[in-house]
Amino acid sequence: MPSRPDQILISKLELSTRIGATETERSQPQRLLASLVLEPSVGFSELRDRFARTVDYDAVAQAVKAHASAGERTLIETLAEELAALLLRRFALNAVEIELRKFFLPDAEFTGVRLRRER
């Protein structure tokens, strides 16, 4: 049975973005939560305790937050796709999973999307 790839997790990272189907919804930044599963190109056993060989998860978090705060979007699906492409382009990752949670419907805990993209 193949082993599962090593993963770096970032759970419930707070984002602020203008997103929504209507201009009213996009008029003010909204709080989203992003959870990321990062599969680095280099396995943990190969890191040899060297920071330069791993994925800097603070840099990942800052890149995600900066991208989300720039511009506005109609669809949360669009933001998820943009973030996946950004992370695969800028960091040494084989794959990324992204879950975005939005708090818009009054009778639901959250709405959201989840995707996985590979290099």
Protein backbone atom coordinates (compact mmCIF):
# COMPACT_ATOMS: atom_id res chain seq x y z
CA MET A 1 0.00 0.00 0.00
CA PRO A 2 1.52 3.40 -0.97
CA SER A 3 2.27 5.74 1.88
CA ARG A 4 0.48 9.04 2.23
CA PRO A 5 2.53 12.10 1.21
CA ASP A 6 3.90 14.37 3.92
CA GLN A 7 1.64 17.34 4.54
CA ILE A 8 1.81 20.80 6.08
CA LEU A 9 -1.50 22.03 7.52
CA ILE A 10 -2.76 25.57 8.02
CA SER A 11 -6.17 25.51 9.67
CA LYS A 12 -8.78 28.27 9.67
CA LEU A 13 -6.58 31.14 8.50
CA GLU A 14 -8.62 34.34 8.66
CA LEU A 15 -8.98 36.22 5.38
CA SER A 16 -10.66 39.52 4.57
CA THR A 17 -12.00 39.89 1.04
CA ARG A 18 -14.70 41.53 -1.02
CA ILE A 19 -16.71 38.65 -2.40
CA GLY A 20 -20.31 37.93 -3.30
CA ALA A 21 -22.99 37.68 -5.94
CA THR A 22 -24.28 41.23 -5.47
CA GLU A 23 -22.65 44.66 -5.30
CA THR A 24 -24.13 45.08 -1.81
CA GLU A 25 -22.45 41.87 -0.64
CA ARG A 26 -19.12 42.98 -2.15
CA SER A 27 -19.37 46.54 -0.77
CA GLN A 28 -17.65 45.61 2.51
CA PRO A 29 -14.85 43.12 3.17
CA GLN A 30 -16.07 39.79 4.52
CA ARG A 31 -14.36 37.36 6.85
CA LEU A 32 -13.52 33.98 5.34
CA LEU A 33 -11.64 31.05 6.85
CA ALA A 34 -9.13 29.16 4.74
CA SER A 35 -7.78 25.73 5.61
CA LEU A 36 -4.84 24.51 3.55
CA VAL A 37 -3.21 21.13 3.11
CA LEU A 38 0.18 21.54 1.45
CA GLU A 39 2.09 18.59 0.01
CA PRO A 40 5.72 19.74 -0.28
CA SER A 41 7.99 18.62 -3.09
CA VAL A 42 10.55 17.47 -0.53
CA GLY A 43 9.51 14.85 2.02
CA PHE A 44 10.08 15.53 5.71
CA SER A 45 12.76 12.83 5.95
CA GLU A 46 14.83 14.82 3.42
CA LEU A 47 14.73 18.16 5.27
CA ARG A 48 17.67 17.41 7.58
CA ASP A 49 16.30 20.03 10.01
CA ARG A 50 17.07 22.85 7.56
CA PHE A 51 14.50 25.62 7.28
CA ALA A 52 15.60 26.49 3.75
CA ARG A 53 14.53 23.02 2.54
CA THR A 54 10.93 23.21 3.76
CA VAL A 55 7.89 25.28 2.77
CA ASP A 56 7.69 28.46 4.86
CA TYR A 57 4.12 28.28 6.11
CA ASP A 58 4.22 31.88 7.37
CA ALA A 59 5.09 33.00 3.82
CA VAL A 60 2.24 30.83 2.50
CA ALA A 61 -0.21 32.40 4.97
CA GLN A 62 0.90 35.94 4.12
CA ALA A 63 0.64 35.25 0.37
CA VAL A 64 -2.88 33.85 0.76
CA LYS A 65 -4.02 36.78 2.91
CA ALA A 66 -2.53 39.37 0.53
CA HIS A 67 -4.09 37.77 -2.54
CA ALA A 68 -7.52 37.47 -0.92
CA SER A 69 -7.52 41.13 0.15
CA ALA A 70 -6.65 42.36 -3.36
CA GLY A 71 -9.55 43.03 -5.71
CA GLU A 72 -13.05 41.65 -5.51
CA ARG A 73 -14.72 38.51 -6.81
CA THR A 74 -18.22 37.25 -7.35
CA LEU A 75 -17.54 33.58 -6.61
CA ILE A 76 -15.75 31.89 -3.72
CA GLU A 77 -14.87 29.17 -6.26
CA THR A 78 -12.85 31.74 -8.21
CA LEU A 79 -10.86 32.72 -5.13
CA ALA A 80 -10.13 29.05 -4.34
CA GLU A 81 -8.83 28.46 -7.89
CA GLU A 82 -6.68 31.62 -7.75
CA LEU A 83 -5.17 30.63 -4.41
CA ALA A 84 -4.35 27.10 -5.58
CA ALA A 85 -2.62 28.45 -8.71
CA LEU A 86 -0.69 31.02 -6.66
CA LEU A 87 0.57 28.45 -4.15
CA LEU A 88 1.62 25.92 -6.79
CA ARG A 89 3.44 28.67 -8.72
CA ARG A 90 5.25 30.31 -5.78
CA PHE A 91 6.10 27.41 -3.47
CA ALA A 92 7.77 24.00 -3.81
CA LEU A 93 4.54 22.01 -3.64
CA ASN A 94 3.37 18.90 -5.45
CA ALA A 95 -0.26 19.48 -4.47
CA VAL A 96 -2.52 21.75 -2.46
CA GLU A 97 -5.96 21.33 -0.96
CA ILE A 98 -7.94 24.43 -0.09
CA GLU A 99 -11.17 24.79 1.84
CA LEU A 100 -12.78 28.23 2.05
CA ARG A 101 -15.61 28.95 4.47
CA LYS A 102 -17.93 31.93 4.11
CA PHE A 103 -20.40 33.14 6.74
CA PHE A 104 -23.23 34.59 4.70
CA LEU A 105 -26.37 32.47 5.16
CA PRO A 106 -28.04 33.32 8.47
CA ASP A 107 -29.42 29.80 9.00
CA ALA A 108 -26.16 27.93 8.26
CA GLU A 109 -22.91 27.68 10.20
CA PHE A 110 -21.05 28.36 6.96
CA THR A 111 -21.02 27.77 3.24
CA GLY A 112 -17.85 26.77 1.48
CA VAL A 113 -15.86 25.12 -1.24
CA ARG A 114 -13.04 22.60 -1.25
CA LEU A 115 -10.61 21.76 -4.04
CA ARG A 116 -7.39 19.88 -4.67
CA ARG A 117 -4.90 20.84 -7.36
CA GLU A 118 -1.63 19.13 -8.30
CA ARG A 119 1.44 20.35 -10.10
